[in-house]
Amino acid sequence: MADTIRTVDYYYVTVPDKPGEGLRVLEALRQAGVNLLAYSGFPSGKRSQLDFVPADGAAFKAAVKGLKLKVVGPKKAFLLDGEDRVGAVAGIMRQLAVAKINVTALDAACAGGGRWAAILWVKPRDVKKAQAALGAA
């Protein structure tokens, strides 16, 4: 089975870098029934940035509205998945390197059941070029 690569909308918020802040946002999304296709959180200065790829952007924005957080987005990222194999991510990175596209960030994991998945970010100016290089939908 071939890898699936698609362009998705993502949003991010910044929160204090302290215990429970990620939970606060994730719990609001859970209570609102917002399905996440991907989530990534990491430190950014003295704060934390939380990136979300919701199945429904409007539902995501409505769910976090009451948290009084500045939501940035939608911006573009790539959601990838496929049959797990040695070098799966290396092949993706090779396609981008050949096209001279710098990867801003990439989070990948074995998804279980012999599958792998990842979320990948490039600079906004490189999204269309990356779509072409990866054959993304």
N, C-alpha and C. Protein backbone atom coordinates (compact mmCIF):
# COMPACT_ATOMS: atom_id res chain seq x y z
N MET A 1 0.85 -1.19 0.00
CA MET A 1 0.00 0.00 0.00
C MET A 1 0.89 1.24 0.00
N ALA A 2 0.58 2.19 -0.82
CA ALA A 2 1.37 3.42 -0.94
C ALA A 2 1.14 4.34 0.25
N ASP A 3 2.11 5.19 0.48
CA ASP A 3 1.96 6.21 1.52
C ASP A 3 0.87 7.19 1.12
N THR A 4 0.18 7.73 2.10
CA THR A 4 -0.81 8.78 1.89
C THR A 4 -0.21 10.08 2.42
N ILE A 5 -0.18 11.08 1.57
CA ILE A 5 0.35 12.39 1.96
C ILE A 5 -0.68 13.43 1.58
N ARG A 6 -1.13 14.17 2.59
CA ARG A 6 -2.13 15.19 2.30
C ARG A 6 -1.79 16.49 3.01
N THR A 7 -2.21 17.57 2.38
CA THR A 7 -2.05 18.89 2.96
C THR A 7 -3.21 19.12 3.92
N VAL A 8 -2.89 19.62 5.11
CA VAL A 8 -3.92 19.86 6.13
C VAL A 8 -3.76 21.26 6.70
N ASP A 9 -4.83 21.75 7.30
CA ASP A 9 -4.78 23.01 8.03
C ASP A 9 -4.38 22.71 9.47
N TYR A 10 -3.49 23.55 10.00
CA TYR A 10 -3.17 23.44 11.42
C TYR A 10 -3.30 24.81 12.06
N TYR A 11 -3.48 24.78 13.35
CA TYR A 11 -3.62 25.99 14.17
C TYR A 11 -2.66 25.84 15.34
N TYR A 12 -2.23 26.98 15.89
CA TYR A 12 -1.44 26.87 17.11
C TYR A 12 -1.82 27.94 18.10
N VAL A 13 -1.54 27.62 19.36
CA VAL A 13 -1.71 28.56 20.46
C VAL A 13 -0.43 28.50 21.29
N THR A 14 -0.16 29.56 22.01
CA THR A 14 0.94 29.52 22.98
C THR A 14 0.33 29.65 24.37
N VAL A 15 0.89 28.88 25.28
CA VAL A 15 0.40 28.84 26.65
C VAL A 15 1.60 28.92 27.59
N PRO A 16 1.36 29.24 28.87
CA PRO A 16 2.47 29.21 29.83
C PRO A 16 3.10 27.81 29.86
N ASP A 17 4.40 27.76 30.03
CA ASP A 17 5.12 26.49 30.09
C ASP A 17 5.05 25.96 31.52
N LYS A 18 3.88 25.43 31.88
CA LYS A 18 3.69 24.89 33.22
C LYS A 18 2.71 23.72 33.18
N PRO A 19 2.76 22.86 34.18
CA PRO A 19 1.91 21.67 34.18
C PRO A 19 0.42 22.01 34.05
N GLY A 20 -0.26 21.23 33.22
CA GLY A 20 -1.71 21.36 33.08
C GLY A 20 -2.19 22.26 31.96
N GLU A 21 -1.31 23.05 31.37
CA GLU A 21 -1.76 23.97 30.31
C GLU A 21 -2.19 23.22 29.05
N GLY A 22 -1.42 22.22 28.67
CA GLY A 22 -1.82 21.41 27.51
C GLY A 22 -3.13 20.69 27.77
N LEU A 23 -3.26 20.16 28.98
CA LEU A 23 -4.50 19.48 29.36
C LEU A 23 -5.69 20.41 29.28
N ARG A 24 -5.52 21.65 29.71
CA ARG A 24 -6.62 22.62 29.70
C ARG A 24 -7.19 22.75 28.28
N VAL A 25 -6.32 22.86 27.30
CA VAL A 25 -6.78 23.01 25.91
C VAL A 25 -7.33 21.68 25.39
N LEU A 26 -6.61 20.60 25.63
CA LEU A 26 -7.07 19.30 25.14
C LEU A 26 -8.41 18.90 25.76
N GLU A 27 -8.61 19.23 27.02
CA GLU A 27 -9.88 18.90 27.68
C GLU A 27 -11.04 19.71 27.07
N ALA A 28 -10.80 20.97 26.76
CA ALA A 28 -11.84 21.78 26.11
C ALA A 28 -12.21 21.18 24.75
N LEU A 29 -11.21 20.71 24.02
CA LEU A 29 -11.47 20.08 22.73
C LEU A 29 -12.23 18.77 22.90
N ARG A 30 -11.85 17.98 23.90
CA ARG A 30 -12.54 16.72 24.16
C ARG A 30 -14.00 16.96 24.51
N GLN A 31 -14.23 17.91 25.40
CA GLN A 31 -15.60 18.20 25.82
C GLN A 31 -16.47 18.69 24.65
N ALA A 32 -15.84 19.39 23.70
CA ALA A 32 -16.58 19.89 22.54
C ALA A 32 -16.69 18.84 21.42
N GLY A 33 -16.07 17.68 21.62
CA GLY A 33 -16.14 16.62 20.61
C GLY A 33 -15.28 16.88 19.39
N VAL A 34 -14.21 17.68 19.55
CA VAL A 34 -13.33 17.99 18.42
C VAL A 34 -12.36 16.84 18.20
N ASN A 35 -12.38 16.28 17.01
CA ASN A 35 -11.46 15.20 16.65
C ASN A 35 -10.16 15.79 16.14
N LEU A 36 -9.04 15.35 16.71
CA LEU A 36 -7.73 15.81 16.27
C LEU A 36 -7.07 14.75 15.39
N LEU A 37 -6.58 15.18 14.24
CA LEU A 37 -5.83 14.29 13.36
C LEU A 37 -4.37 14.23 13.81
N ALA A 38 -3.89 15.32 14.43
CA ALA A 38 -2.53 15.37 14.96
C ALA A 38 -2.43 16.47 16.00
N TYR A 39 -1.47 16.31 16.89
CA TYR A 39 -1.20 17.29 17.95
C TYR A 39 0.28 17.24 18.26
N SER A 40 0.88 18.39 18.45
CA SER A 40 2.29 18.46 18.82
C SER A 40 2.47 19.65 19.75
N GLY A 41 3.21 19.45 20.82
CA GLY A 41 3.49 20.53 21.75
C GLY A 41 4.97 20.58 22.05
N PHE A 42 5.51 21.80 22.20
CA PHE A 42 6.94 21.94 22.45
C PHE A 42 7.21 23.29 23.09
N PRO A 43 8.34 23.42 23.80
CA PRO A 43 8.67 24.70 24.41
C PRO A 43 9.04 25.74 23.35
N SER A 44 8.68 26.97 23.63
CA SER A 44 9.01 28.09 22.74
C SER A 44 9.33 29.28 23.63
N GLY A 45 10.61 29.53 23.85
CA GLY A 45 11.01 30.56 24.79
C GLY A 45 10.59 30.14 26.19
N LYS A 46 9.91 31.04 26.89
CA LYS A 46 9.43 30.72 28.23
C LYS A 46 7.99 30.22 28.22
N ARG A 47 7.48 29.93 27.02
CA ARG A 47 6.10 29.45 26.87
C ARG A 47 6.13 28.11 26.14
N SER A 48 4.99 27.59 25.83
CA SER A 48 4.87 26.36 25.03
C SER A 48 3.96 26.63 23.85
N GLN A 49 4.32 26.08 22.71
CA GLN A 49 3.48 26.17 21.53
C GLN A 49 2.77 24.84 21.35
N LEU A 50 1.47 24.89 21.16
CA LEU A 50 0.66 23.70 20.93
C LEU A 50 0.09 23.78 19.52
N ASP A 51 0.44 22.82 18.68
CA ASP A 51 -0.03 22.75 17.30
C ASP A 51 -1.13 21.70 17.19
N PHE A 52 -2.20 22.05 16.52
CA PHE A 52 -3.36 21.16 16.38
C PHE A 52 -3.75 21.02 14.92
N VAL A 53 -4.02 19.80 14.50
CA VAL A 53 -4.61 19.53 13.19
C VAL A 53 -5.99 18.94 13.46
N PRO A 54 -7.02 19.80 13.48
CA PRO A 54 -8.37 19.30 13.75
C PRO A 54 -9.04 18.78 12.48
N ALA A 55 -9.94 17.83 12.65
CA ALA A 55 -10.73 17.36 11.51
C ALA A 55 -11.66 18.46 11.02
N ASP A 56 -12.07 19.35 11.92
CA ASP A 56 -12.99 20.44 11.60
C ASP A 56 -12.45 21.73 12.22
N GLY A 57 -11.92 22.61 11.38
CA GLY A 57 -11.32 23.86 11.86
C GLY A 57 -12.30 24.77 12.58
N ALA A 58 -13.51 24.87 12.07
CA ALA A 58 -14.51 25.74 12.71
C ALA A 58 -14.86 25.23 14.10
N ALA A 59 -15.00 23.92 14.25
CA ALA A 59 -15.30 23.34 15.56
C ALA A 59 -14.14 23.57 16.52
N PHE A 60 -12.91 23.47 16.01
CA PHE A 60 -11.73 23.72 16.84
C PHE A 60 -11.74 25.15 17.37
N LYS A 61 -11.93 26.12 16.46
CA LYS A 61 -11.92 27.53 16.88
C LYS A 61 -13.02 27.83 17.87
N ALA A 62 -14.19 27.26 17.66
CA ALA A 62 -15.31 27.49 18.59
C ALA A 62 -14.99 26.90 19.97
N ALA A 63 -14.35 25.74 20.00
CA ALA A 63 -14.05 25.06 21.26
C ALA A 63 -13.02 25.81 22.10
N VAL A 64 -12.05 26.45 21.45
CA VAL A 64 -11.00 27.13 22.23
C VAL A 64 -11.33 28.60 22.48
N LYS A 65 -12.41 29.09 21.88
CA LYS A 65 -12.77 30.50 22.04
C LYS A 65 -12.91 30.90 23.50
N GLY A 66 -13.54 30.09 24.30
CA GLY A 66 -13.75 30.41 25.71
C GLY A 66 -12.49 30.38 26.55
N LEU A 67 -11.39 29.85 26.01
CA LEU A 67 -10.14 29.77 26.76
C LEU A 67 -9.34 31.07 26.70
N LYS A 68 -9.81 32.00 25.88
CA LYS A 68 -9.16 33.31 25.74
C LYS A 68 -7.69 33.18 25.33
N LEU A 69 -7.45 32.33 24.35
CA LEU A 69 -6.12 32.15 23.78
C LEU A 69 -6.11 32.72 22.37
N LYS A 70 -4.99 33.27 21.97
CA LYS A 70 -4.85 33.73 20.59
C LYS A 70 -4.58 32.51 19.71
N VAL A 71 -5.50 32.25 18.80
CA VAL A 71 -5.36 31.13 17.88
C VAL A 71 -4.74 31.66 16.59
N VAL A 72 -3.65 31.05 16.16
CA VAL A 72 -2.99 31.42 14.91
C VAL A 72 -3.31 30.32 13.89
N GLY A 73 -3.75 30.74 12.72
CA GLY A 73 -4.04 29.79 11.67
C GLY A 73 -5.42 30.04 11.10
N PRO A 74 -5.77 29.32 10.08
CA PRO A 74 -5.10 28.10 9.65
C PRO A 74 -3.83 28.36 8.85
N LYS A 75 -2.88 27.47 9.05
CA LYS A 75 -1.65 27.41 8.28
C LYS A 75 -1.60 26.01 7.68
N LYS A 76 -0.65 25.78 6.80
CA LYS A 76 -0.57 24.48 6.12
C LYS A 76 0.54 23.60 6.68
N ALA A 77 0.24 22.31 6.76
CA ALA A 77 1.20 21.28 7.13
C ALA A 77 0.87 20.06 6.28
N PHE A 78 1.63 19.00 6.47
CA PHE A 78 1.38 17.76 5.74
C PHE A 78 1.17 16.64 6.74
N LEU A 79 0.16 15.84 6.50
CA LEU A 79 -0.12 14.66 7.31
C LEU A 79 0.22 13.45 6.44
N LEU A 80 1.06 12.58 6.96
CA LEU A 80 1.55 11.44 6.20
C LEU A 80 1.24 10.16 6.95
N ASP A 81 0.96 9.08 6.23
CA ASP A 81 0.86 7.77 6.86
C ASP A 81 1.08 6.70 5.81
N GLY A 82 1.49 5.54 6.28
CA GLY A 82 1.74 4.45 5.36
C GLY A 82 2.10 3.18 6.08
N GLU A 83 2.44 2.17 5.29
CA GLU A 83 2.86 0.89 5.84
C GLU A 83 4.25 1.06 6.45
N ASP A 84 4.41 0.63 7.69
CA ASP A 84 5.69 0.80 8.38
C ASP A 84 6.78 -0.04 7.70
N ARG A 85 7.92 0.59 7.53
CA ARG A 85 9.07 -0.07 6.91
C ARG A 85 10.32 0.71 7.28
N VAL A 86 11.45 0.07 7.18
CA VAL A 86 12.72 0.73 7.45
C VAL A 86 12.90 1.85 6.42
N GLY A 87 13.21 3.06 6.89
CA GLY A 87 13.50 4.17 5.99
C GLY A 87 12.30 4.91 5.44
N ALA A 88 11.13 4.68 5.97
CA ALA A 88 9.93 5.35 5.44
C ALA A 88 10.09 6.87 5.47
N VAL A 89 10.53 7.41 6.59
CA VAL A 89 10.67 8.86 6.70
C VAL A 89 11.86 9.35 5.88
N ALA A 90 12.91 8.54 5.79
CA ALA A 90 14.08 8.92 4.99
C ALA A 90 13.68 9.16 3.54
N GLY A 91 12.78 8.33 3.02
CA GLY A 91 12.32 8.50 1.65
C GLY A 91 11.60 9.83 1.44
N ILE A 92 10.79 10.21 2.42
CA ILE A 92 10.08 11.50 2.35
C ILE A 92 11.09 12.64 2.38
N MET A 93 12.04 12.54 3.30
CA MET A 93 13.05 13.59 3.43
C MET A 93 13.90 13.69 2.16
N ARG A 94 14.16 12.56 1.52
CA ARG A 94 14.93 12.57 0.27
C ARG A 94 14.18 13.34 -0.81
N GLN A 95 12.87 13.10 -0.93
CA GLN A 95 12.08 13.80 -1.94
C GLN A 95 12.16 15.32 -1.73
N LEU A 96 12.09 15.75 -0.49
CA LEU A 96 12.14 17.19 -0.20
C LEU A 96 13.54 17.74 -0.42
N ALA A 97 14.56 16.99 -0.05
CA ALA A 97 15.94 17.44 -0.24
C ALA A 97 16.26 17.60 -1.73
N VAL A 98 15.83 16.64 -2.53
CA VAL A 98 16.06 16.72 -3.98
C VAL A 98 15.39 17.96 -4.55
N ALA A 99 14.23 18.32 -4.02
CA ALA A 99 13.51 19.52 -4.47
C ALA A 99 14.03 20.79 -3.79
N LYS A 100 15.06 20.65 -2.96
CA LYS A 100 15.69 21.77 -2.25
C LYS A 100 14.70 22.50 -1.33
N ILE A 101 13.89 21.71 -0.62
CA ILE A 101 12.92 22.25 0.33
C ILE A 101 13.40 21.93 1.73
N ASN A 102 13.56 22.97 2.55
CA ASN A 102 13.96 22.78 3.94
C ASN A 102 12.75 22.42 4.78
N VAL A 103 12.91 21.42 5.63
CA VAL A 103 11.84 21.01 6.54
C VAL A 103 11.95 21.82 7.83
N THR A 104 10.88 22.48 8.21
CA THR A 104 10.85 23.26 9.45
C THR A 104 10.79 22.33 10.65
N ALA A 105 9.92 21.32 10.60
CA ALA A 105 9.79 20.35 11.68
C ALA A 105 9.11 19.10 11.15
N LEU A 106 9.35 17.99 11.84
CA LEU A 106 8.74 16.71 11.48
C LEU A 106 8.60 15.88 12.74
N ASP A 107 7.40 15.40 13.01
CA ASP A 107 7.15 14.47 14.12
C ASP A 107 6.60 13.19 13.50
N ALA A 108 7.28 12.07 13.73
CA ALA A 108 6.85 10.80 13.16
C ALA A 108 6.83 9.73 14.25
N ALA A 109 5.97 8.73 14.06
CA ALA A 109 5.88 7.63 15.02
C ALA A 109 5.30 6.40 14.35
N CYS A 110 5.62 5.26 14.92
CA CYS A 110 4.95 4.02 14.52
C CYS A 110 3.53 4.12 15.05
N ALA A 111 2.56 3.90 14.19
CA ALA A 111 1.16 4.06 14.58
C ALA A 111 0.53 2.74 15.03
N GLY A 112 1.30 1.67 15.03
CA GLY A 112 0.77 0.36 15.41
C GLY A 112 0.12 -0.32 14.22
N GLY A 113 -0.09 -1.60 14.32
CA GLY A 113 -0.72 -2.34 13.24
C GLY A 113 0.08 -2.31 11.95
N GLY A 114 1.42 -2.15 12.08
CA GLY A 114 2.26 -2.11 10.90
C GLY A 114 2.18 -0.81 10.12
N ARG A 115 1.75 0.27 10.79
CA ARG A 115 1.59 1.57 10.13
C ARG A 115 2.51 2.60 10.77
N TRP A 116 2.84 3.64 10.05
CA TRP A 116 3.57 4.79 10.57
C TRP A 116 2.78 6.03 10.18
N ALA A 117 3.03 7.12 10.90
CA ALA A 117 2.36 8.39 10.59
C ALA A 117 3.28 9.53 10.99
N ALA A 118 3.05 10.69 10.39
CA ALA A 118 3.87 11.86 10.68
C ALA A 118 3.12 13.14 10.34
N ILE A 119 3.57 14.20 10.96
CA ILE A 119 3.15 15.55 10.57
C ILE A 119 4.43 16.30 10.23
N LEU A 120 4.37 17.05 9.14
CA LEU A 120 5.55 17.71 8.60
C LEU A 120 5.21 19.15 8.26
N TRP A 121 6.12 20.06 8.60
CA TRP A 121 5.93 21.48 8.32
C TRP A 121 7.06 21.99 7.44
N VAL A 122 6.72 22.85 6.49
CA VAL A 122 7.69 23.60 5.70
C VAL A 122 7.28 25.07 5.76
N LYS A 123 8.16 25.94 5.31
CA LYS A 123 7.83 27.37 5.29
C LYS A 123 6.63 27.60 4.35
N PRO A 124 5.79 28.59 4.66
CA PRO A 124 4.62 28.85 3.81
C PRO A 124 4.98 29.03 2.33
N ARG A 125 6.10 29.65 2.06
CA ARG A 125 6.49 29.87 0.66
C ARG A 125 6.83 28.56 -0.07
N ASP A 126 7.08 27.48 0.70
CA ASP A 126 7.46 26.20 0.11
C ASP A 126 6.32 25.18 0.05
N VAL A 127 5.13 25.54 0.51
CA VAL A 127 4.03 24.56 0.58
C VAL A 127 3.69 24.00 -0.80
N LYS A 128 3.49 24.85 -1.79
CA LYS A 128 3.11 24.36 -3.13
C LYS A 128 4.22 23.50 -3.74
N LYS A 129 5.45 23.92 -3.55
CA LYS A 129 6.59 23.16 -4.07
C LYS A 129 6.67 21.79 -3.38
N ALA A 130 6.42 21.76 -2.07
CA ALA A 130 6.44 20.50 -1.33
C ALA A 130 5.27 19.61 -1.76
N GLN A 131 4.11 20.21 -2.00
CA GLN A 131 2.97 19.42 -2.48
C GLN A 131 3.34 18.69 -3.77
N ALA A 132 3.99 19.40 -4.67
CA ALA A 132 4.39 18.80 -5.95
C ALA A 132 5.45 17.72 -5.73
N ALA A 133 6.44 18.01 -4.90
CA ALA A 133 7.53 17.05 -4.66
C ALA A 133 7.03 15.76 -4.02
N LEU A 134 6.04 15.89 -3.14
CA LEU A 134 5.53 14.74 -2.40
C LEU A 134 4.31 14.09 -3.06
N GLY A 135 3.74 14.76 -4.06
CA GLY A 135 2.51 14.25 -4.67
C GLY A 135 1.35 14.31 -3.69
N ALA A 136 1.34 15.36 -2.87
CA ALA A 136 0.33 15.50 -1.82
C ALA A 136 -1.02 15.93 -2.37
N ALA A 137 -2.05 15.42 -1.75
CA ALA A 137 -3.42 15.80 -2.11
C ALA A 137 -3.75 17.13 -1.48
